[in-house]
């Protein structure tokens, strides 16, 4: 987003800008404190290769992670995290709204 100042972009990086190793280390930090597996997606760029994916899985195994999820940008015809500059976020709300009478607790 070109209108966001560089100093702000450095503070608030997107998932795609975080290096694979950093994704893995974040997951490892949480994994140490739970018995179950931790779910965290590693976001890879569109030009990531099979070797990049294989290396991420090997590194995850070496770090003792119990599970690993990888998403390569653009690998699906449509993806959840797409929002253009100036686009209304509410325009993409595809969730089902329940009948207020049927949603009582």
N, C-alpha and C. Protein backbone atom coordinates (compact mmCIF):
# COMPACT_ATOMS: atom_id res chain seq x y z
N UNK A 1 0.85 -1.17 0.00
CA UNK A 1 0.00 0.00 0.00
C UNK A 1 0.89 1.24 0.00
N UNK A 2 0.97 1.90 -1.10
CA UNK A 2 1.92 3.00 -1.25
C UNK A 2 1.66 4.20 -0.34
N UNK A 3 0.43 4.38 0.12
CA UNK A 3 0.12 5.54 0.95
C UNK A 3 0.53 5.37 2.41
N UNK A 4 0.90 4.16 2.81
CA UNK A 4 1.32 3.90 4.19
C UNK A 4 2.81 4.25 4.31
N UNK A 5 3.15 5.11 5.28
CA UNK A 5 4.56 5.50 5.42
C UNK A 5 5.47 4.30 5.71
N UNK A 6 6.69 4.37 5.23
CA UNK A 6 7.66 3.27 5.38
C UNK A 6 7.86 2.88 6.84
N UNK A 7 7.95 3.85 7.75
CA UNK A 7 8.16 3.54 9.17
C UNK A 7 7.01 2.74 9.74
N UNK A 8 5.81 2.95 9.26
CA UNK A 8 4.64 2.20 9.71
C UNK A 8 4.65 0.81 9.09
N UNK A 9 5.02 0.71 7.82
CA UNK A 9 5.08 -0.61 7.16
C UNK A 9 6.10 -1.52 7.82
N UNK A 10 7.18 -0.96 8.33
CA UNK A 10 8.19 -1.78 9.03
C UNK A 10 7.65 -2.32 10.34
N UNK A 11 6.77 -1.57 10.99
CA UNK A 11 6.19 -2.01 12.27
C UNK A 11 5.07 -3.03 12.09
N UNK A 12 4.30 -2.88 11.04
CA UNK A 12 3.13 -3.71 10.83
C UNK A 12 3.26 -4.48 9.52
N UNK A 13 4.12 -5.48 9.53
CA UNK A 13 4.34 -6.27 8.32
C UNK A 13 3.17 -7.23 8.12
N UNK A 14 2.97 -7.64 6.89
CA UNK A 14 1.93 -8.62 6.59
C UNK A 14 2.51 -10.02 6.71
N UNK A 15 1.64 -11.02 6.80
CA UNK A 15 2.08 -12.41 6.95
C UNK A 15 3.00 -12.83 5.81
N UNK A 16 2.76 -12.31 4.63
CA UNK A 16 3.59 -12.66 3.48
C UNK A 16 4.98 -12.05 3.52
N UNK A 17 5.17 -11.04 4.36
CA UNK A 17 6.47 -10.39 4.48
C UNK A 17 7.34 -11.01 5.57
N UNK A 18 6.75 -11.86 6.40
CA UNK A 18 7.50 -12.51 7.47
C UNK A 18 8.27 -13.69 6.87
N UNK A 19 9.59 -13.74 7.10
CA UNK A 19 10.37 -14.86 6.55
C UNK A 19 9.91 -16.21 7.13
N UNK A 20 10.05 -17.26 6.35
CA UNK A 20 9.61 -18.59 6.75
C UNK A 20 10.20 -18.97 8.11
N UNK A 21 11.48 -18.75 8.30
CA UNK A 21 12.13 -19.12 9.56
C UNK A 21 11.46 -18.42 10.75
N UNK A 22 11.08 -17.16 10.56
CA UNK A 22 10.43 -16.43 11.65
C UNK A 22 9.05 -17.00 11.95
N UNK A 23 8.29 -17.39 10.92
CA UNK A 23 7.00 -18.06 11.13
C UNK A 23 7.21 -19.31 12.01
N UNK A 24 8.23 -20.08 11.66
CA UNK A 24 8.50 -21.33 12.38
C UNK A 24 8.90 -21.05 13.84
N UNK A 25 9.72 -20.04 14.05
CA UNK A 25 10.16 -19.73 15.41
C UNK A 25 9.00 -19.21 16.27
N UNK A 26 8.09 -18.47 15.66
CA UNK A 26 6.90 -18.01 16.38
C UNK A 26 6.07 -19.22 16.81
N UNK A 27 5.88 -20.14 15.88
CA UNK A 27 5.11 -21.35 16.20
C UNK A 27 5.82 -22.16 17.28
N UNK A 28 7.13 -22.27 17.20
CA UNK A 28 7.88 -23.03 18.19
C UNK A 28 7.74 -22.41 19.58
N UNK A 29 7.73 -21.08 19.65
CA UNK A 29 7.60 -20.41 20.95
C UNK A 29 6.29 -20.80 21.63
N UNK A 30 5.21 -20.89 20.87
CA UNK A 30 3.92 -21.30 21.44
C UNK A 30 3.89 -22.80 21.70
N UNK A 31 4.48 -23.58 20.80
CA UNK A 31 4.43 -25.04 20.89
C UNK A 31 5.05 -25.54 22.19
N UNK A 32 6.07 -24.88 22.68
CA UNK A 32 6.74 -25.29 23.91
C UNK A 32 5.82 -25.31 25.12
N UNK A 33 4.74 -24.54 25.07
CA UNK A 33 3.89 -24.35 26.25
C UNK A 33 2.55 -25.06 26.18
N UNK A 34 2.34 -25.89 25.18
CA UNK A 34 1.08 -26.63 25.05
C UNK A 34 1.36 -28.09 24.73
N UNK A 35 0.43 -28.95 25.14
CA UNK A 35 0.58 -30.37 24.85
C UNK A 35 0.12 -30.71 23.43
N UNK A 36 -0.89 -30.01 22.96
CA UNK A 36 -1.41 -30.26 21.62
C UNK A 36 -0.58 -29.52 20.58
N UNK A 37 -0.90 -29.73 19.34
CA UNK A 37 -0.22 -29.01 18.27
C UNK A 37 -0.73 -27.58 18.19
N UNK A 38 0.07 -26.71 17.62
CA UNK A 38 -0.29 -25.31 17.41
C UNK A 38 -0.56 -25.13 15.93
N UNK A 39 -1.63 -24.42 15.62
CA UNK A 39 -1.96 -24.16 14.23
C UNK A 39 -1.49 -22.76 13.84
N UNK A 40 -0.62 -22.69 12.85
CA UNK A 40 -0.15 -21.42 12.33
C UNK A 40 0.22 -21.62 10.87
N UNK A 41 -0.27 -20.74 10.04
CA UNK A 41 0.00 -20.86 8.61
C UNK A 41 1.26 -20.09 8.24
N UNK A 42 2.09 -20.74 7.46
CA UNK A 42 3.27 -20.08 6.89
C UNK A 42 2.85 -19.62 5.50
N UNK A 43 2.92 -18.33 5.28
CA UNK A 43 2.52 -17.76 4.00
C UNK A 43 3.73 -17.62 3.11
N UNK A 44 3.70 -18.32 1.97
CA UNK A 44 4.80 -18.26 1.02
C UNK A 44 4.39 -17.43 -0.19
N UNK A 45 5.34 -16.79 -0.84
CA UNK A 45 5.02 -16.02 -2.04
C UNK A 45 4.66 -16.95 -3.20
N UNK A 46 4.05 -16.39 -4.21
CA UNK A 46 3.62 -17.16 -5.38
C UNK A 46 4.79 -17.88 -6.05
N UNK A 47 5.97 -17.30 -6.00
CA UNK A 47 7.12 -17.91 -6.69
C UNK A 47 7.87 -18.93 -5.83
N UNK A 48 7.31 -19.32 -4.67
CA UNK A 48 7.95 -20.34 -3.84
C UNK A 48 8.00 -21.66 -4.60
N UNK A 49 9.11 -22.37 -4.45
CA UNK A 49 9.31 -23.63 -5.17
C UNK A 49 8.98 -24.82 -4.27
N UNK A 50 8.94 -26.00 -4.87
CA UNK A 50 8.75 -27.23 -4.08
C UNK A 50 9.88 -27.38 -3.07
N UNK A 51 11.07 -26.98 -3.46
CA UNK A 51 12.22 -27.05 -2.55
C UNK A 51 12.01 -26.13 -1.35
N UNK A 52 11.41 -24.95 -1.56
CA UNK A 52 11.12 -24.02 -0.46
C UNK A 52 10.13 -24.66 0.51
N UNK A 53 9.11 -25.29 -0.02
CA UNK A 53 8.09 -25.95 0.81
C UNK A 53 8.73 -27.11 1.59
N UNK A 54 9.53 -27.93 0.90
CA UNK A 54 10.19 -29.06 1.56
C UNK A 54 11.11 -28.58 2.67
N UNK A 55 11.83 -27.50 2.42
CA UNK A 55 12.74 -26.96 3.44
C UNK A 55 11.96 -26.46 4.66
N UNK A 56 10.82 -25.85 4.45
CA UNK A 56 9.99 -25.37 5.56
C UNK A 56 9.54 -26.55 6.42
N UNK A 57 9.11 -27.64 5.78
CA UNK A 57 8.69 -28.83 6.53
C UNK A 57 9.86 -29.45 7.29
N UNK A 58 11.02 -29.52 6.65
CA UNK A 58 12.20 -30.07 7.34
C UNK A 58 12.58 -29.21 8.54
N UNK A 59 12.57 -27.89 8.35
CA UNK A 59 12.91 -26.99 9.45
C UNK A 59 11.89 -27.10 10.58
N UNK A 60 10.62 -27.22 10.25
CA UNK A 60 9.59 -27.39 11.26
C UNK A 60 9.80 -28.66 12.06
N UNK A 61 10.15 -29.73 11.38
CA UNK A 61 10.42 -31.00 12.06
C UNK A 61 11.62 -30.87 12.99
N UNK A 62 12.68 -30.21 12.51
CA UNK A 62 13.88 -30.00 13.30
C UNK A 62 13.58 -29.17 14.56
N UNK A 63 12.67 -28.22 14.45
CA UNK A 63 12.31 -27.38 15.60
C UNK A 63 11.33 -28.07 16.55
N UNK A 64 10.88 -29.28 16.19
CA UNK A 64 9.99 -30.03 17.08
C UNK A 64 8.53 -29.65 16.97
N UNK A 65 8.15 -29.06 15.84
CA UNK A 65 6.74 -28.69 15.66
C UNK A 65 5.91 -29.93 15.40
N UNK A 66 4.69 -29.94 15.91
CA UNK A 66 3.82 -31.10 15.76
C UNK A 66 2.99 -31.02 14.49
N UNK A 67 2.89 -29.86 13.90
CA UNK A 67 2.12 -29.69 12.68
C UNK A 67 2.56 -28.43 11.97
N UNK A 68 2.26 -28.38 10.69
CA UNK A 68 2.69 -27.24 9.90
C UNK A 68 1.69 -27.04 8.77
N UNK A 69 1.31 -25.81 8.54
CA UNK A 69 0.42 -25.49 7.43
C UNK A 69 1.12 -24.47 6.55
N UNK A 70 1.13 -24.73 5.26
CA UNK A 70 1.76 -23.82 4.31
C UNK A 70 0.73 -23.40 3.29
N UNK A 71 0.71 -22.10 3.00
CA UNK A 71 -0.13 -21.60 1.91
C UNK A 71 0.75 -20.79 0.98
N UNK A 72 0.77 -21.18 -0.29
CA UNK A 72 1.52 -20.43 -1.31
C UNK A 72 0.54 -19.50 -2.01
N UNK A 73 0.81 -18.21 -1.92
CA UNK A 73 -0.08 -17.20 -2.49
C UNK A 73 -0.36 -17.49 -3.96
N UNK A 74 -1.63 -17.40 -4.32
CA UNK A 74 -2.02 -17.61 -5.71
C UNK A 74 -2.13 -19.05 -6.14
N UNK A 75 -2.00 -19.99 -5.21
CA UNK A 75 -2.06 -21.41 -5.57
C UNK A 75 -3.49 -21.91 -5.75
N UNK A 76 -4.47 -21.10 -5.39
CA UNK A 76 -5.88 -21.45 -5.54
C UNK A 76 -6.53 -20.41 -6.46
N UNK A 77 -7.61 -20.78 -7.14
CA UNK A 77 -8.27 -19.82 -8.03
C UNK A 77 -8.81 -18.60 -7.28
N UNK A 78 -9.18 -18.79 -6.02
CA UNK A 78 -9.64 -17.67 -5.18
C UNK A 78 -9.04 -17.89 -3.81
N UNK A 79 -8.77 -16.81 -3.10
CA UNK A 79 -8.22 -16.96 -1.78
C UNK A 79 -8.92 -16.03 -0.80
N UNK A 80 -8.88 -16.41 0.46
CA UNK A 80 -9.61 -15.70 1.50
C UNK A 80 -9.05 -14.30 1.72
N UNK A 81 -7.74 -14.17 1.80
CA UNK A 81 -7.13 -12.89 2.14
C UNK A 81 -6.81 -12.07 0.91
N UNK A 82 -7.83 -11.50 0.32
CA UNK A 82 -7.61 -10.59 -0.79
C UNK A 82 -8.50 -9.38 -0.57
N UNK A 83 -7.92 -8.23 -0.55
CA UNK A 83 -8.66 -6.99 -0.36
C UNK A 83 -7.86 -5.89 -1.02
N UNK A 84 -8.47 -5.25 -1.97
CA UNK A 84 -7.77 -4.19 -2.69
C UNK A 84 -7.83 -2.87 -1.96
N UNK A 85 -6.91 -1.99 -2.30
CA UNK A 85 -6.88 -0.66 -1.71
C UNK A 85 -8.18 0.05 -2.06
N UNK A 86 -8.83 0.62 -1.07
CA UNK A 86 -10.07 1.35 -1.29
C UNK A 86 -11.31 0.47 -1.38
N UNK A 87 -11.14 -0.84 -1.29
CA UNK A 87 -12.27 -1.75 -1.37
C UNK A 87 -12.98 -1.81 -0.02
N UNK A 88 -14.29 -1.85 -0.04
CA UNK A 88 -15.09 -1.90 1.18
C UNK A 88 -15.00 -3.30 1.79
N UNK A 89 -14.41 -3.45 2.99
CA UNK A 89 -14.27 -4.77 3.61
C UNK A 89 -15.61 -5.47 3.81
N UNK A 90 -16.67 -4.73 4.07
CA UNK A 90 -17.98 -5.34 4.30
C UNK A 90 -18.54 -5.97 3.03
N UNK A 91 -18.04 -5.58 1.87
CA UNK A 91 -18.53 -6.13 0.62
C UNK A 91 -18.17 -7.60 0.46
N UNK A 92 -17.25 -8.10 1.26
CA UNK A 92 -16.81 -9.50 1.15
C UNK A 92 -17.28 -10.37 2.30
N UNK A 93 -18.27 -9.94 3.03
CA UNK A 93 -18.78 -10.74 4.13
C UNK A 93 -19.72 -11.81 3.57
N UNK A 94 -19.23 -13.05 3.55
CA UNK A 94 -19.98 -14.15 2.99
C UNK A 94 -20.52 -15.10 4.06
N UNK A 95 -20.46 -14.69 5.33
CA UNK A 95 -20.92 -15.58 6.39
C UNK A 95 -22.45 -15.58 6.45
N UNK A 96 -22.99 -16.62 7.03
CA UNK A 96 -24.44 -16.76 7.14
C UNK A 96 -24.91 -16.07 8.40
N UNK A 97 -25.93 -15.29 8.24
CA UNK A 97 -26.53 -14.64 9.40
C UNK A 97 -27.73 -15.49 9.81
N UNK A 98 -27.81 -15.78 11.09
CA UNK A 98 -28.91 -16.62 11.54
C UNK A 98 -30.12 -15.76 11.89
N UNK A 99 -31.27 -16.38 11.89
CA UNK A 99 -32.50 -15.73 12.30
C UNK A 99 -32.38 -15.40 13.79
N UNK A 100 -32.57 -14.13 14.19
CA UNK A 100 -32.40 -13.76 15.59
C UNK A 100 -33.23 -14.64 16.54
N UNK A 101 -34.38 -15.09 16.11
CA UNK A 101 -35.20 -15.95 16.95
C UNK A 101 -34.61 -17.35 17.11
N UNK A 102 -33.79 -17.77 16.15
CA UNK A 102 -33.22 -19.12 16.19
C UNK A 102 -31.85 -19.15 16.88
N UNK A 103 -31.31 -17.99 17.22
CA UNK A 103 -29.97 -17.93 17.78
C UNK A 103 -29.96 -17.66 19.27
N UNK A 104 -30.99 -18.00 19.95
CA UNK A 104 -31.02 -17.77 21.40
C UNK A 104 -30.14 -18.79 22.12
N UNK A 105 -29.51 -18.34 23.18
CA UNK A 105 -28.68 -19.24 23.96
C UNK A 105 -29.48 -19.89 25.05
